Amino acid sequence: MKVLWAIGLPINGMEGPDLTNSNGLYGFLARHGIDGTSLAALAGIALLWALISKWGEALPRWTLLTPAWLAALLGPYGVLALGWVVLALAGVVDTDIPVWVAAVGALGFGGFGIAAAVTALSYQRRTKPRCQH
């Protein structure tokens, strides 16, 4: 969704925010047709890949576990956001954005957070130092 918006394509008639006039890194990237959150998503994919790959086990544990457990916090955020989507669909809460946009975000963040938690736990168990005694 963000990539399409960054290159100027509307989705379901909705255009993304215009960040081309923004200062800093996000503005620089937007002026070149790149959404900054897309780069963060690529970094997240690389993190998950490292956590499940043999080559990731060669890295110091903290370099993968620290960002992975921080990313795992997105799991509860996504679940709570999905609850908000249900409330919005039921008409209990008002919203200025289309509910489908919130649903896409909730599923994306929640799914990534849960994946980060599962892969971090697996990596943590696989790379646990063995007692020498």
N, C-alpha and C. Protein backbone atom coordinates (compact mmCIF):
# COMPACT_ATOMS: atom_id res chain seq x y z
N MET A 1 0.82 -1.17 0.00
CA MET A 1 0.00 0.00 0.00
C MET A 1 0.88 1.25 0.00
N LYS A 2 1.87 1.29 0.89
CA LYS A 2 2.71 2.48 1.00
C LYS A 2 3.57 2.68 -0.24
N VAL A 3 4.04 1.60 -0.84
CA VAL A 3 4.86 1.72 -2.06
C VAL A 3 4.03 2.32 -3.18
N LEU A 4 2.81 1.84 -3.34
CA LEU A 4 1.95 2.39 -4.38
C LEU A 4 1.66 3.87 -4.14
N TRP A 5 1.41 4.22 -2.89
CA TRP A 5 1.19 5.63 -2.58
C TRP A 5 2.44 6.46 -2.85
N ALA A 6 3.61 5.91 -2.51
CA ALA A 6 4.86 6.66 -2.69
C ALA A 6 5.13 6.98 -4.15
N ILE A 7 4.71 6.10 -5.05
CA ILE A 7 4.93 6.38 -6.48
C ILE A 7 3.74 7.10 -7.10
N GLY A 8 2.77 7.49 -6.26
CA GLY A 8 1.68 8.34 -6.71
C GLY A 8 0.43 7.63 -7.18
N LEU A 9 0.30 6.34 -6.93
CA LEU A 9 -0.90 5.61 -7.35
C LEU A 9 -1.91 5.56 -6.21
N PRO A 10 -3.14 6.00 -6.48
CA PRO A 10 -4.16 5.90 -5.45
C PRO A 10 -4.66 4.46 -5.32
N ILE A 11 -5.13 4.11 -4.15
CA ILE A 11 -5.70 2.79 -3.90
C ILE A 11 -7.15 3.00 -3.49
N ASN A 12 -8.05 2.40 -4.24
CA ASN A 12 -9.47 2.53 -3.95
C ASN A 12 -9.88 4.01 -3.86
N GLY A 13 -9.27 4.83 -4.70
CA GLY A 13 -9.58 6.25 -4.73
C GLY A 13 -8.90 7.08 -3.65
N MET A 14 -8.10 6.46 -2.81
CA MET A 14 -7.45 7.18 -1.72
C MET A 14 -5.97 7.36 -2.01
N GLU A 15 -5.52 8.59 -1.94
CA GLU A 15 -4.10 8.87 -2.14
C GLU A 15 -3.40 8.95 -0.79
N GLY A 16 -2.15 8.55 -0.79
CA GLY A 16 -1.36 8.62 0.43
C GLY A 16 -0.93 10.04 0.74
N PRO A 17 -0.34 10.26 1.90
CA PRO A 17 0.12 11.60 2.26
C PRO A 17 1.27 12.04 1.36
N ASP A 18 1.30 13.32 1.06
CA ASP A 18 2.38 13.87 0.25
C ASP A 18 3.52 14.27 1.19
N LEU A 19 4.58 13.49 1.17
CA LEU A 19 5.73 13.75 2.03
C LEU A 19 6.86 14.43 1.28
N THR A 20 6.64 14.78 0.02
CA THR A 20 7.74 15.34 -0.78
C THR A 20 8.23 16.69 -0.25
N ASN A 21 7.40 17.41 0.48
CA ASN A 21 7.82 18.69 1.04
C ASN A 21 8.36 18.57 2.45
N SER A 22 8.42 17.34 2.97
CA SER A 22 8.93 17.12 4.32
C SER A 22 10.43 17.29 4.37
N ASN A 23 10.91 17.66 5.53
CA ASN A 23 12.36 17.75 5.74
C ASN A 23 12.89 16.39 6.18
N GLY A 24 14.17 16.24 6.15
CA GLY A 24 14.80 15.04 6.67
C GLY A 24 14.75 13.86 5.71
N LEU A 25 15.00 12.70 6.28
CA LEU A 25 15.13 11.48 5.49
C LEU A 25 13.83 11.11 4.78
N TYR A 26 12.69 11.20 5.46
CA TYR A 26 11.43 10.82 4.82
C TYR A 26 11.13 11.72 3.63
N GLY A 27 11.39 13.00 3.74
CA GLY A 27 11.18 13.91 2.62
C GLY A 27 12.11 13.59 1.46
N PHE A 28 13.38 13.34 1.76
CA PHE A 28 14.36 12.98 0.72
C PHE A 28 13.91 11.72 -0.01
N LEU A 29 13.52 10.70 0.76
CA LEU A 29 13.08 9.45 0.14
C LEU A 29 11.81 9.65 -0.69
N ALA A 30 10.86 10.41 -0.15
CA ALA A 30 9.60 10.65 -0.86
C ALA A 30 9.84 11.36 -2.19
N ARG A 31 10.77 12.30 -2.21
CA ARG A 31 11.07 13.00 -3.46
C ARG A 31 11.66 12.07 -4.51
N HIS A 32 12.14 10.91 -4.07
CA HIS A 32 12.69 9.92 -4.99
C HIS A 32 11.76 8.71 -5.15
N GLY A 33 10.50 8.86 -4.73
CA GLY A 33 9.50 7.81 -4.92
C GLY A 33 9.63 6.63 -3.99
N ILE A 34 10.27 6.84 -2.84
CA ILE A 34 10.47 5.75 -1.89
C ILE A 34 9.79 6.13 -0.58
N ASP A 35 8.98 5.22 -0.05
CA ASP A 35 8.36 5.45 1.24
C ASP A 35 9.28 4.90 2.33
N GLY A 36 9.57 5.71 3.33
CA GLY A 36 10.48 5.31 4.41
C GLY A 36 10.01 4.09 5.16
N THR A 37 8.71 3.94 5.32
CA THR A 37 8.22 2.77 6.05
C THR A 37 8.43 1.49 5.24
N SER A 38 8.53 1.62 3.93
CA SER A 38 8.84 0.45 3.10
C SER A 38 10.25 -0.03 3.37
N LEU A 39 11.17 0.90 3.59
CA LEU A 39 12.54 0.51 3.95
C LEU A 39 12.57 -0.16 5.32
N ALA A 40 11.76 0.34 6.23
CA ALA A 40 11.66 -0.30 7.55
C ALA A 40 11.11 -1.71 7.41
N ALA A 41 10.15 -1.90 6.52
CA ALA A 41 9.60 -3.24 6.28
C ALA A 41 10.67 -4.16 5.72
N LEU A 42 11.50 -3.66 4.81
CA LEU A 42 12.60 -4.47 4.28
C LEU A 42 13.58 -4.86 5.37
N ALA A 43 13.87 -3.92 6.26
CA ALA A 43 14.76 -4.23 7.39
C ALA A 43 14.13 -5.30 8.28
N GLY A 44 12.82 -5.22 8.48
CA GLY A 44 12.12 -6.23 9.27
C GLY A 44 12.17 -7.60 8.61
N ILE A 45 12.03 -7.64 7.31
CA ILE A 45 12.13 -8.91 6.58
C ILE A 45 13.53 -9.49 6.73
N ALA A 46 14.54 -8.64 6.61
CA ALA A 46 15.92 -9.11 6.79
C ALA A 46 16.14 -9.65 8.20
N LEU A 47 15.56 -8.99 9.19
CA LEU A 47 15.68 -9.45 10.57
C LEU A 47 15.05 -10.83 10.74
N LEU A 48 13.83 -11.00 10.23
CA LEU A 48 13.17 -12.30 10.34
C LEU A 48 13.96 -13.38 9.60
N TRP A 49 14.50 -13.03 8.45
CA TRP A 49 15.28 -13.98 7.67
C TRP A 49 16.53 -14.41 8.45
N ALA A 50 17.19 -13.45 9.08
CA ALA A 50 18.38 -13.78 9.86
C ALA A 50 18.02 -14.68 11.05
N LEU A 51 16.87 -14.44 11.65
CA LEU A 51 16.46 -15.24 12.81
C LEU A 51 16.17 -16.70 12.46
N ILE A 52 15.78 -16.96 11.23
CA ILE A 52 15.45 -18.34 10.86
C ILE A 52 16.55 -19.02 10.06
N SER A 53 17.58 -18.26 9.67
CA SER A 53 18.64 -18.81 8.82
C SER A 53 19.85 -19.25 9.64
N LYS A 54 20.57 -20.21 9.09
CA LYS A 54 21.79 -20.69 9.73
C LYS A 54 22.82 -19.56 9.85
N TRP A 55 22.92 -18.70 8.82
CA TRP A 55 23.90 -17.62 8.86
C TRP A 55 23.61 -16.63 9.98
N GLY A 56 22.35 -16.52 10.40
CA GLY A 56 22.01 -15.63 11.50
C GLY A 56 22.56 -16.11 12.83
N GLU A 57 22.79 -17.42 12.94
CA GLU A 57 23.33 -17.97 14.17
C GLU A 57 24.80 -17.61 14.37
N ALA A 58 25.46 -17.15 13.32
CA ALA A 58 26.86 -16.75 13.43
C ALA A 58 27.01 -15.33 13.99
N LEU A 59 25.92 -14.59 14.01
CA LEU A 59 25.96 -13.21 14.52
C LEU A 59 25.85 -13.20 16.04
N PRO A 60 26.36 -12.17 16.69
CA PRO A 60 26.16 -12.06 18.14
C PRO A 60 24.66 -12.06 18.45
N ARG A 61 24.26 -12.82 19.45
CA ARG A 61 22.84 -12.99 19.77
C ARG A 61 22.12 -11.66 19.97
N TRP A 62 22.74 -10.74 20.67
CA TRP A 62 22.05 -9.50 21.03
C TRP A 62 21.73 -8.65 19.79
N THR A 63 22.53 -8.80 18.71
CA THR A 63 22.29 -7.97 17.52
C THR A 63 20.99 -8.34 16.82
N LEU A 64 20.52 -9.55 17.04
CA LEU A 64 19.23 -9.96 16.47
C LEU A 64 18.11 -9.98 17.50
N LEU A 65 18.44 -10.42 18.72
CA LEU A 65 17.39 -10.55 19.73
C LEU A 65 16.85 -9.20 20.21
N THR A 66 17.72 -8.22 20.33
CA THR A 66 17.25 -6.91 20.81
C THR A 66 16.21 -6.31 19.86
N PRO A 67 16.52 -6.16 18.56
CA PRO A 67 15.48 -5.61 17.68
C PRO A 67 14.28 -6.54 17.51
N ALA A 68 14.51 -7.85 17.59
CA ALA A 68 13.40 -8.78 17.41
C ALA A 68 12.40 -8.67 18.55
N TRP A 69 12.88 -8.61 19.79
CA TRP A 69 11.95 -8.50 20.92
C TRP A 69 11.28 -7.12 20.95
N LEU A 70 11.98 -6.10 20.50
CA LEU A 70 11.33 -4.78 20.38
C LEU A 70 10.23 -4.82 19.32
N ALA A 71 10.53 -5.47 18.19
CA ALA A 71 9.54 -5.60 17.12
C ALA A 71 8.35 -6.44 17.56
N ALA A 72 8.59 -7.37 18.46
CA ALA A 72 7.50 -8.22 18.95
C ALA A 72 6.42 -7.39 19.65
N LEU A 73 6.77 -6.21 20.12
CA LEU A 73 5.77 -5.33 20.76
C LEU A 73 4.70 -4.89 19.77
N LEU A 74 4.97 -5.02 18.48
CA LEU A 74 3.96 -4.66 17.48
C LEU A 74 2.82 -5.68 17.43
N GLY A 75 3.05 -6.88 17.95
CA GLY A 75 1.99 -7.89 17.97
C GLY A 75 0.77 -7.45 18.75
N PRO A 76 0.94 -7.09 20.03
CA PRO A 76 -0.23 -6.59 20.79
C PRO A 76 -0.82 -5.32 20.19
N TYR A 77 0.02 -4.46 19.63
CA TYR A 77 -0.49 -3.25 18.97
C TYR A 77 -1.43 -3.62 17.83
N GLY A 78 -1.02 -4.59 17.02
CA GLY A 78 -1.86 -5.03 15.91
C GLY A 78 -3.16 -5.64 16.37
N VAL A 79 -3.11 -6.43 17.44
CA VAL A 79 -4.33 -7.05 17.98
C VAL A 79 -5.28 -5.97 18.49
N LEU A 80 -4.75 -4.99 19.23
CA LEU A 80 -5.60 -3.90 19.72
C LEU A 80 -6.16 -3.08 18.56
N ALA A 81 -5.35 -2.85 17.54
CA ALA A 81 -5.82 -2.10 16.37
C ALA A 81 -6.92 -2.86 15.65
N LEU A 82 -6.81 -4.19 15.58
CA LEU A 82 -7.89 -4.98 14.97
C LEU A 82 -9.17 -4.86 15.78
N GLY A 83 -9.04 -4.77 17.11
CA GLY A 83 -10.21 -4.54 17.95
C GLY A 83 -10.86 -3.21 17.62
N TRP A 84 -10.03 -2.20 17.37
CA TRP A 84 -10.55 -0.88 16.99
C TRP A 84 -11.26 -0.96 15.64
N VAL A 85 -10.70 -1.74 14.71
CA VAL A 85 -11.33 -1.91 13.39
C VAL A 85 -12.72 -2.52 13.55
N VAL A 86 -12.83 -3.53 14.41
CA VAL A 86 -14.14 -4.16 14.65
C VAL A 86 -15.11 -3.14 15.23
N LEU A 87 -14.63 -2.32 16.18
CA LEU A 87 -15.50 -1.28 16.75
C LEU A 87 -15.91 -0.26 15.70
N ALA A 88 -15.00 0.08 14.81
CA ALA A 88 -15.31 1.04 13.74
C ALA A 88 -16.33 0.44 12.77
N LEU A 89 -16.17 -0.83 12.44
CA LEU A 89 -17.14 -1.48 11.55
C LEU A 89 -18.52 -1.57 12.19
N ALA A 90 -18.55 -1.71 13.52
CA ALA A 90 -19.82 -1.79 14.24
C ALA A 90 -20.43 -0.42 14.47
N GLY A 91 -19.70 0.65 14.12
CA GLY A 91 -20.22 2.00 14.31
C GLY A 91 -20.07 2.54 15.71
N VAL A 92 -19.29 1.87 16.54
CA VAL A 92 -19.10 2.29 17.92
C VAL A 92 -18.14 3.48 18.01
N VAL A 93 -17.13 3.50 17.15
CA VAL A 93 -16.17 4.61 17.11
C VAL A 93 -16.21 5.27 15.74
N ASP A 94 -15.96 6.57 15.73
CA ASP A 94 -15.89 7.31 14.47
C ASP A 94 -14.45 7.34 13.98
N THR A 95 -14.29 7.44 12.67
CA THR A 95 -12.96 7.46 12.09
C THR A 95 -12.91 8.43 10.92
N ASP A 96 -11.76 9.04 10.75
CA ASP A 96 -11.53 9.94 9.61
C ASP A 96 -10.88 9.21 8.44
N ILE A 97 -10.41 8.00 8.68
CA ILE A 97 -9.76 7.24 7.62
C ILE A 97 -10.63 6.03 7.27
N PRO A 98 -10.50 5.54 6.04
CA PRO A 98 -11.26 4.33 5.71
C PRO A 98 -10.84 3.16 6.61
N VAL A 99 -11.80 2.37 7.01
CA VAL A 99 -11.53 1.27 7.92
C VAL A 99 -10.58 0.26 7.29
N TRP A 100 -10.65 0.09 5.96
CA TRP A 100 -9.76 -0.87 5.31
C TRP A 100 -8.30 -0.48 5.47
N VAL A 101 -8.01 0.82 5.52
CA VAL A 101 -6.62 1.26 5.72
C VAL A 101 -6.15 0.86 7.11
N ALA A 102 -7.00 1.06 8.10
CA ALA A 102 -6.66 0.65 9.47
C ALA A 102 -6.51 -0.87 9.56
N ALA A 103 -7.35 -1.60 8.85
CA ALA A 103 -7.27 -3.07 8.88
C ALA A 103 -5.96 -3.55 8.26
N VAL A 104 -5.57 -2.95 7.14
CA VAL A 104 -4.29 -3.32 6.50
C VAL A 104 -3.13 -3.05 7.45
N GLY A 105 -3.14 -1.89 8.10
CA GLY A 105 -2.08 -1.56 9.05
C GLY A 105 -2.06 -2.48 10.24
N ALA A 106 -3.25 -2.77 10.78
CA ALA A 106 -3.33 -3.65 11.96
C ALA A 106 -2.82 -5.05 11.62
N LEU A 107 -3.23 -5.57 10.49
CA LEU A 107 -2.77 -6.91 10.09
C LEU A 107 -1.28 -6.93 9.80
N GLY A 108 -0.79 -5.86 9.17
CA GLY A 108 0.64 -5.79 8.87
C GLY A 108 1.49 -5.70 10.12
N PHE A 109 1.17 -4.76 10.99
CA PHE A 109 1.93 -4.59 12.23
C PHE A 109 1.77 -5.80 13.15
N GLY A 110 0.53 -6.25 13.31
CA GLY A 110 0.29 -7.39 14.18
C GLY A 110 0.95 -8.66 13.68
N GLY A 111 0.83 -8.91 12.40
CA GLY A 111 1.45 -10.11 11.82
C GLY A 111 2.95 -10.09 11.95
N PHE A 112 3.55 -8.93 11.69
CA PHE A 112 5.00 -8.82 11.82
C PHE A 112 5.43 -8.98 13.28
N GLY A 113 4.69 -8.37 14.20
CA GLY A 113 5.03 -8.48 15.62
C GLY A 113 4.96 -9.91 16.12
N ILE A 114 3.93 -10.61 15.72
CA ILE A 114 3.81 -12.02 16.13
C ILE A 114 4.92 -12.85 15.51
N ALA A 115 5.21 -12.61 14.22
CA ALA A 115 6.31 -13.33 13.56
C ALA A 115 7.64 -13.05 14.24
N ALA A 116 7.86 -11.80 14.64
CA ALA A 116 9.10 -11.45 15.34
C ALA A 116 9.19 -12.18 16.67
N ALA A 117 8.09 -12.26 17.40
CA ALA A 117 8.11 -12.95 18.69
C ALA A 117 8.40 -14.43 18.53
N VAL A 118 7.75 -15.07 17.57
CA VAL A 118 7.94 -16.51 17.36
C VAL A 118 9.37 -16.81 16.91
N THR A 119 9.88 -16.03 15.95
CA THR A 119 11.23 -16.30 15.45
C THR A 119 12.28 -15.93 16.48
N ALA A 120 12.04 -14.88 17.28
CA ALA A 120 13.00 -14.52 18.32
C ALA A 120 13.09 -15.61 19.38
N LEU A 121 11.95 -16.15 19.78
CA LEU A 121 11.95 -17.22 20.76
C LEU A 121 12.68 -18.46 20.23
N SER A 122 12.42 -18.80 18.98
CA SER A 122 13.09 -19.94 18.37
C SER A 122 14.60 -19.71 18.29
N TYR A 123 15.00 -18.54 17.84
CA TYR A 123 16.43 -18.20 17.74
C TYR A 123 17.08 -18.21 19.11
N GLN A 124 16.39 -17.65 20.10
CA GLN A 124 16.92 -17.58 21.46
C GLN A 124 17.17 -18.99 22.00
N ARG A 125 16.25 -19.90 21.75
CA ARG A 125 16.42 -21.27 22.23
C ARG A 125 17.51 -22.01 21.47
N ARG A 126 17.58 -21.79 20.15
CA ARG A 126 18.59 -22.48 19.34
C ARG A 126 20.00 -22.02 19.64
N THR A 127 20.16 -20.76 20.00
CA THR A 127 21.51 -20.21 20.19
C THR A 127 21.87 -20.05 21.66
N LYS A 128 21.09 -20.63 22.54
CA LYS A 128 21.36 -20.51 23.97
C LYS A 128 22.72 -21.14 24.29
N PRO A 129 23.57 -20.40 25.00
CA PRO A 129 24.87 -20.97 25.36
C PRO A 129 24.68 -22.21 26.26
N ARG A 130 25.47 -23.21 26.00
CA ARG A 130 25.39 -24.45 26.77
C ARG A 130 26.28 -24.35 28.01
N CYS A 131 25.82 -24.89 29.09
CA CYS A 131 26.58 -24.90 30.34
C CYS A 131 27.76 -25.88 30.18
N GLN A 132 28.94 -25.47 30.62
CA GLN A 132 30.14 -26.29 30.48
C GLN A 132 30.38 -27.22 31.65
N HIS A 133 29.54 -27.18 32.66
CA HIS A 133 29.76 -27.99 33.86
C HIS A 133 29.05 -29.31 33.79
